[in-house]
Protein backbone atom coordinates (compact mmCIF):
# COMPACT_ATOMS: atom_id res chain seq x y z
CA UNK A 1 13.27 -62.77 -222.94
CA UNK A 2 15.30 -64.30 -220.36
CA UNK A 3 18.92 -63.78 -220.76
CA UNK A 4 19.90 -67.66 -221.50
CA UNK A 5 17.72 -67.66 -224.25
CA UNK A 6 19.28 -64.85 -225.73
CA UNK A 7 22.25 -66.47 -225.66
CA UNK A 8 20.64 -69.40 -227.21
CA UNK A 9 20.03 -67.16 -229.73
CA UNK A 10 23.37 -65.85 -230.92
CA UNK A 11 24.14 -69.21 -231.68
CA UNK A 12 27.61 -68.89 -230.30
CA UNK A 13 27.53 -72.75 -228.56
CA UNK A 14 26.30 -74.44 -225.38
CA UNK A 15 24.76 -71.70 -222.59
CA UNK A 16 23.93 -73.74 -219.86
CA UNK A 17 21.87 -72.66 -217.11
CA UNK A 18 22.13 -72.36 -213.36
CA UNK A 19 25.22 -74.98 -213.14
CA UNK A 20 27.24 -76.07 -209.76
CA UNK A 21 29.60 -74.28 -208.34
CA UNK A 22 31.40 -77.12 -207.17
CA UNK A 23 32.46 -78.11 -211.15
CA UNK A 24 34.03 -75.03 -211.80
CA UNK A 25 36.59 -75.18 -209.77
CA UNK A 26 38.73 -77.70 -207.62
CA UNK A 27 37.77 -76.56 -203.97
CA UNK A 28 34.42 -77.69 -205.00
CA UNK A 29 32.87 -74.84 -203.35
CA UNK A 30 29.31 -74.74 -202.85
CA UNK A 31 27.10 -72.59 -204.77
CA UNK A 32 25.63 -71.49 -208.16
CA UNK A 33 26.58 -69.38 -211.43
CA UNK A 34 23.81 -68.32 -213.06
CA UNK A 35 25.01 -69.21 -216.80
CA UNK A 36 27.74 -70.97 -218.42
CA UNK A 37 28.62 -69.85 -221.86
CA UNK A 38 31.07 -72.54 -224.30
CA UNK A 39 31.74 -70.59 -227.40
CA UNK A 40 33.07 -72.76 -230.39
CA UNK A 41 35.43 -69.82 -231.84
CA UNK A 42 36.99 -66.72 -231.59
CA UNK A 43 34.33 -65.24 -233.53
CA UNK A 44 31.73 -66.56 -231.13
CA UNK A 45 33.69 -65.70 -228.51
CA UNK A 46 33.97 -62.15 -229.82
CA UNK A 47 30.10 -61.81 -230.78
CA UNK A 48 29.39 -63.30 -226.80
CA UNK A 49 31.94 -60.56 -225.46
CA UNK A 50 30.26 -57.82 -227.81
CA UNK A 51 26.70 -59.14 -226.04
CA UNK A 52 27.30 -59.03 -222.79
CA UNK A 53 29.43 -55.97 -223.07
CA UNK A 54 26.53 -54.03 -224.56
CA UNK A 55 23.82 -55.14 -221.85
CA UNK A 56 26.66 -54.69 -219.23
CA UNK A 57 26.13 -57.75 -218.00
CA UNK A 58 28.69 -59.14 -215.32
CA UNK A 59 31.12 -61.75 -216.46
CA UNK A 60 34.47 -63.22 -216.54
CA UNK A 61 36.58 -66.46 -218.71
CA UNK A 62 37.45 -69.51 -216.55
CA UNK A 63 39.49 -72.38 -216.85
CA UNK A 64 39.28 -75.07 -214.72
CA UNK A 65 38.74 -72.68 -211.29
CA UNK A 66 42.50 -74.23 -210.03
CA UNK A 67 42.99 -70.63 -208.49
CA UNK A 68 39.77 -69.20 -207.73
CA UNK A 69 37.76 -68.80 -204.87
CA UNK A 70 34.06 -67.48 -205.03
CA UNK A 71 33.14 -65.50 -201.97
CA UNK A 72 29.43 -65.50 -202.36
CA UNK A 73 27.15 -68.94 -202.79
CA UNK A 74 25.54 -67.29 -206.21
CA UNK A 75 27.03 -65.88 -209.32
CA UNK A 76 25.30 -63.89 -210.85
CA UNK A 77 26.73 -63.28 -214.00
CA UNK A 78 27.91 -66.15 -216.90
CA UNK A 79 31.38 -68.09 -217.25
CA UNK A 80 32.64 -67.86 -220.52
CA UNK A 81 34.60 -71.70 -221.09
CA UNK A 82 37.09 -72.11 -223.88
CA UNK A 83 37.22 -75.39 -223.61
CA UNK A 84 36.02 -76.19 -227.18
CA UNK A 85 39.82 -74.25 -227.46
CA UNK A 86 41.02 -77.43 -227.28
CA UNK A 87 43.45 -78.00 -230.04
CA UNK A 88 47.14 -79.27 -229.62
CA UNK A 89 49.85 -79.31 -232.69
CA UNK A 90 53.28 -80.99 -232.04
CA UNK A 91 56.06 -79.85 -235.02
CA UNK A 92 59.36 -80.78 -234.05
CA UNK A 93 60.15 -78.69 -230.54
CA UNK A 94 57.03 -76.48 -231.31
CA UNK A 95 53.73 -76.37 -229.50
CA UNK A 96 50.93 -74.81 -230.47
CA UNK A 97 47.85 -75.13 -227.65
CA UNK A 98 44.57 -73.94 -227.18
CA UNK A 99 43.91 -72.25 -224.32
CA UNK A 100 41.11 -74.60 -223.76
CA UNK A 101 43.17 -77.67 -223.21
CA UNK A 102 44.16 -79.34 -219.61
CA UNK A 103 47.83 -78.73 -218.69
CA UNK A 104 48.64 -82.01 -217.23
CA UNK A 105 47.29 -84.10 -220.37
CA UNK A 106 49.43 -81.55 -222.56
CA UNK A 107 52.29 -81.88 -220.05
CA UNK A 108 52.16 -86.11 -220.55
CA UNK A 109 51.58 -85.78 -224.59
CA UNK A 110 54.71 -83.16 -225.19
CA UNK A 111 56.69 -85.20 -223.08
CA UNK A 112 55.58 -88.42 -224.29
CA UNK A 113 56.30 -87.25 -227.55
CA UNK A 114 60.02 -86.93 -226.30
CA UNK A 115 59.81 -82.65 -225.96
CA UNK A 116 61.67 -81.27 -222.69
CA UNK A 117 60.22 -78.09 -220.70
CA UNK A 118 56.48 -78.92 -219.44
CA UNK A 119 57.32 -81.51 -217.02
CA UNK A 120 57.33 -79.37 -214.15
CA UNK A 121 53.53 -79.12 -214.91
CA UNK A 122 52.70 -82.67 -214.97
CA UNK A 123 50.63 -81.86 -211.84
CA UNK A 124 49.23 -78.24 -211.99
CA UNK A 125 45.75 -78.86 -212.56
CA UNK A 126 44.12 -75.81 -214.85
CA UNK A 127 43.52 -75.00 -218.40
CA UNK A 128 46.82 -73.47 -220.78
CA UNK A 129 45.10 -70.34 -220.61
CA UNK A 130 44.76 -70.75 -216.68
CA UNK A 131 48.79 -71.22 -216.93
CA UNK A 132 49.60 -68.35 -218.50
CA UNK A 133 47.69 -65.70 -216.74
CA UNK A 134 49.17 -66.88 -213.56
CA UNK A 135 52.54 -68.44 -215.05
CA UNK A 136 51.77 -71.84 -213.43
CA UNK A 137 55.43 -73.37 -211.85
CA UNK A 138 56.39 -75.84 -210.23
CA UNK A 139 60.25 -77.14 -209.16
CA UNK A 140 62.05 -74.01 -210.43
CA UNK A 141 60.80 -73.47 -213.65
CA UNK A 142 57.14 -72.18 -214.68
CA UNK A 143 55.25 -71.23 -218.13
CA UNK A 144 57.71 -67.65 -218.73
CA UNK A 145 60.32 -69.59 -219.36
CA UNK A 146 58.87 -71.87 -222.16
CA UNK A 147 56.07 -69.95 -223.85
CA UNK A 148 56.93 -68.27 -227.08
CA UNK A 149 53.72 -66.37 -227.81
CA UNK A 150 50.45 -65.88 -227.08
CA UNK A 151 47.34 -65.55 -229.58
CA UNK A 152 45.38 -63.10 -227.63
CA UNK A 153 41.61 -61.24 -227.68
CA UNK A 154 43.20 -58.04 -226.77
CA UNK A 155 40.17 -54.94 -225.16
CA UNK A 156 38.80 -53.79 -228.48
CA UNK A 157 38.23 -57.70 -229.57
CA UNK A 158 40.81 -57.79 -231.80
CA UNK A 159 42.72 -60.49 -232.40
CA UNK A 160 46.89 -60.35 -231.53
CA UNK A 161 50.15 -61.73 -230.62
CA UNK A 162 52.45 -60.85 -227.73
CA UNK A 163 55.81 -62.35 -227.44
CA UNK A 164 57.04 -63.76 -224.18
CA UNK A 165 58.48 -60.46 -223.64
CA UNK A 166 55.29 -58.61 -223.85
CA UNK A 167 54.33 -60.62 -220.85
CA UNK A 168 55.76 -59.80 -218.41
CA UNK A 169 56.29 -63.29 -216.38
CA UNK A 170 57.00 -63.52 -213.10
CA UNK A 171 56.48 -65.26 -209.95
CA UNK A 172 53.06 -66.45 -210.05
CA UNK A 173 51.87 -63.47 -212.24
CA UNK A 174 51.95 -62.36 -215.82
CA UNK A 175 50.87 -59.89 -218.01
CA UNK A 176 46.81 -60.99 -218.78
CA UNK A 177 46.49 -60.81 -214.71
CA UNK A 178 47.00 -57.26 -214.66
CA UNK A 179 45.31 -56.71 -217.84
CA UNK A 180 42.06 -59.25 -217.59
CA UNK A 181 40.53 -57.90 -220.84
CA UNK A 182 43.29 -59.47 -222.91
CA UNK A 183 41.84 -63.51 -223.39
CA UNK A 184 44.08 -65.99 -223.98
CA UNK A 185 43.33 -67.82 -226.96
CA UNK A 186 46.14 -70.11 -227.91
CA UNK A 187 50.10 -70.73 -226.68
CA UNK A 188 53.22 -71.71 -228.47
CA UNK A 189 55.68 -73.19 -226.94
CA UNK A 190 59.43 -73.41 -227.80
CA UNK A 191 60.74 -76.64 -226.17
CA UNK A 192 63.77 -79.31 -226.83
CA UNK A 193 64.17 -82.65 -227.66
CA UNK A 194 65.11 -85.08 -224.80
CA UNK A 195 64.31 -88.86 -223.73
CA UNK A 196 61.48 -90.25 -223.01
CA UNK A 197 62.31 -92.53 -220.74
CA UNK A 198 64.11 -89.65 -218.48
CA UNK A 199 60.82 -87.54 -218.92
CA UNK A 200 58.18 -89.79 -217.76
CA UNK A 201 60.67 -91.25 -214.69
CA UNK A 202 61.12 -87.51 -213.44
CA UNK A 203 57.03 -86.93 -213.72
CA UNK A 204 56.30 -90.40 -211.86
CA UNK A 205 59.22 -89.57 -209.11
CA UNK A 206 57.05 -86.52 -208.85
CA UNK A 207 53.94 -87.33 -208.47
CA UNK A 208 54.59 -90.08 -206.10
CA UNK A 209 56.55 -87.36 -203.99
CA UNK A 210 53.47 -85.10 -204.63
CA UNK A 211 51.11 -87.94 -203.08
CA UNK A 212 53.42 -88.70 -200.19
CA UNK A 213 53.26 -84.57 -199.31
CA UNK A 214 50.02 -83.06 -200.76
CA UNK A 215 46.74 -84.07 -199.58
CA UNK A 216 45.65 -84.60 -203.07
CA UNK A 217 43.29 -86.95 -201.63
CA UNK A 218 41.00 -83.42 -201.18
CA UNK A 219 39.47 -80.78 -202.97
CA UNK A 220 41.74 -78.10 -202.96
CA UNK A 221 43.11 -74.67 -205.11
CA UNK A 222 46.99 -76.09 -204.75
CA UNK A 223 49.19 -73.66 -202.64
CA UNK A 224 47.52 -71.10 -201.34
CA UNK A 225 50.31 -68.37 -200.08
CA UNK A 226 53.71 -68.05 -201.83
CA UNK A 227 56.72 -68.46 -200.21
CA UNK A 228 57.97 -65.33 -198.54
CA UNK A 229 61.71 -65.29 -199.23
CA UNK A 230 64.47 -67.57 -198.27
CA UNK A 231 61.16 -69.18 -196.17
CA UNK A 232 58.63 -71.79 -196.65
CA UNK A 233 54.64 -70.12 -195.49
CA UNK A 234 53.98 -74.06 -194.72
CA UNK A 235 56.30 -74.27 -192.18
CA UNK A 236 55.22 -70.53 -190.63
CA UNK A 237 51.90 -71.89 -190.42
CA UNK A 238 52.44 -75.04 -189.04
CA UNK A 239 54.55 -73.70 -185.99
CA UNK A 240 51.33 -71.61 -184.86
CA UNK A 241 49.58 -74.92 -185.08
CA UNK A 242 46.76 -74.26 -187.90
CA UNK A 243 47.03 -77.55 -188.83
CA UNK A 244 43.96 -79.39 -188.86
CA UNK A 245 41.75 -76.49 -187.68
CA UNK A 246 38.29 -75.10 -189.73
CA UNK A 247 35.85 -72.78 -190.40
CA UNK A 248 33.27 -75.13 -191.85
CA UNK A 249 34.50 -77.63 -194.10
CA UNK A 250 37.13 -75.55 -194.87
CA UNK A 251 40.01 -77.02 -192.68
CA UNK A 252 44.02 -76.58 -192.83
CA UNK A 253 45.65 -79.88 -194.19
CA UNK A 254 47.18 -81.77 -191.26
CA UNK A 255 49.98 -83.18 -194.50
CA UNK A 256 51.19 -80.08 -195.83
CA UNK A 257 50.00 -76.50 -193.98
CA UNK A 258 49.80 -74.66 -196.98
CA UNK A 259 47.29 -76.32 -198.30
CA UNK A 260 43.66 -75.44 -197.23
CA UNK A 261 41.45 -78.61 -198.63
CA UNK A 262 37.15 -78.85 -198.50
CA UNK A 263 36.53 -81.90 -196.58
CA UNK A 264 33.07 -81.62 -197.72
CA UNK A 265 30.97 -78.87 -198.09
CA UNK A 266 33.19 -75.95 -197.66
CA UNK A 267 31.93 -72.50 -199.24
CA UNK A 268 33.86 -69.68 -200.39
CA UNK A 269 33.09 -67.62 -196.86
CA UNK A 270 34.49 -70.54 -195.21
CA UNK A 271 37.94 -70.74 -197.68
CA UNK A 272 38.19 -66.76 -197.36
CA UNK A 273 37.68 -66.26 -193.37
CA UNK A 274 40.50 -69.37 -192.85
CA UNK A 275 42.72 -67.25 -195.22
CA UNK A 276 41.77 -64.20 -193.20
CA UNK A 277 42.79 -65.69 -189.87
CA UNK A 278 45.95 -67.28 -191.06
CA UNK A 279 47.46 -64.45 -192.48
CA UNK A 280 46.20 -62.00 -189.25
CA UNK A 281 48.33 -64.39 -187.19
CA UNK A 282 51.18 -65.60 -189.42
CA UNK A 283 51.47 -61.14 -189.93
CA UNK A 284 51.14 -61.08 -186.47
CA UNK A 285 53.99 -63.63 -184.71
CA UNK A 286 56.50 -62.61 -187.65
CA UNK A 287 55.69 -59.98 -188.57
CA UNK A 288 55.72 -61.19 -192.29
CA UNK A 289 52.72 -59.83 -194.61
CA UNK A 290 51.63 -63.58 -196.54
CA UNK A 291 51.05 -63.34 -200.28
CA UNK A 292 47.89 -65.32 -201.05
CA UNK A 293 47.73 -66.91 -204.90
CA UNK A 294 44.58 -67.72 -205.35
CA UNK A 295 42.08 -65.25 -206.51
CA UNK A 296 38.66 -64.20 -204.95
CA UNK A 297 35.85 -63.28 -207.44
CA UNK A 298 33.01 -62.07 -205.83
C-alpha cells in the first residue's frame, strides 16, 4: 500500500501527494514535495506523528515556509501543515490564536480591535506558530514582548503549556527553534488597549516605507542575514557590489542588498550558493561572520 493510502486510512484530514514546493515557500522555489498532511485537530496530529515516527518516515511541521530554503528539488517526506489550527479569540486585552493563523491577518485584526502590541507584525509573512519558532520581529519589537504563553505538543505527544519565561526568546530565536520536537499549537497574547486610528496609521506608514525600500514585488524570504552588531548586513553586501548579482534565477535585490529574490525559476541550491558566496566575501573583506536568518532543509 502506498504511503498516501496509509495516511488516508488514518482519517486525520487532507492528504495531498506530489505538491509543488513553490506553494509552500515564500521564495517560490522549484521542486516537489512527496506528501503534505493537514491534520484537523490535536488528536489527528498526535495520530499522524505517532505513525510517522513508528515507521521512521521523514517529516516536519511547516507554516508558510517564509524562512525556509529547501536545498533539494524533492522533499522525500511528509510536510505537516497546521492551517486547520486557525481559531482566533479576542477577550478584552487577551488574544488566543491557533498556530496556523496568518500572522499578518492576526496583526490587522487585533489592531482594528484597538489592541496595541502586534502592529509590528503587520508586514511579516508567515503563521503565528512560525513566528513563535523564529521569534519574528520588526521595528524594535518581537513575539517575546507580547506572548503570554503557548500550548505545545511535547516530544511525548502530550499537550503542555509553556510560559513566556520558558520560551527563551532572543533575537530571532526561541526555545522551539532549539527543541524541534515541541510543536506550537496555540498562542496566548497579552496586549494593551489603544487607539484604532493611531494603530492603523502606524501600519499604513510602515507599509508604504516597506514598499519603497524592499523588493516586495518578487518572491523572497525577507532579510537573509541578521544585522551584525552596530552595523547593517545590507550595507556590507552592497559595498561589495552584490546588488543585482545572481546564480540562476536567485538574485540579490537591486532595491535592498539583504534580500535575495526569485526572478522566476530559482531553486534552493541557487539561493544557498548565492548566500554562501556573500557570506565568504563579507568574511574575507570585513572579518564579519554574517548569520543567516533562514533555515536550510535537506
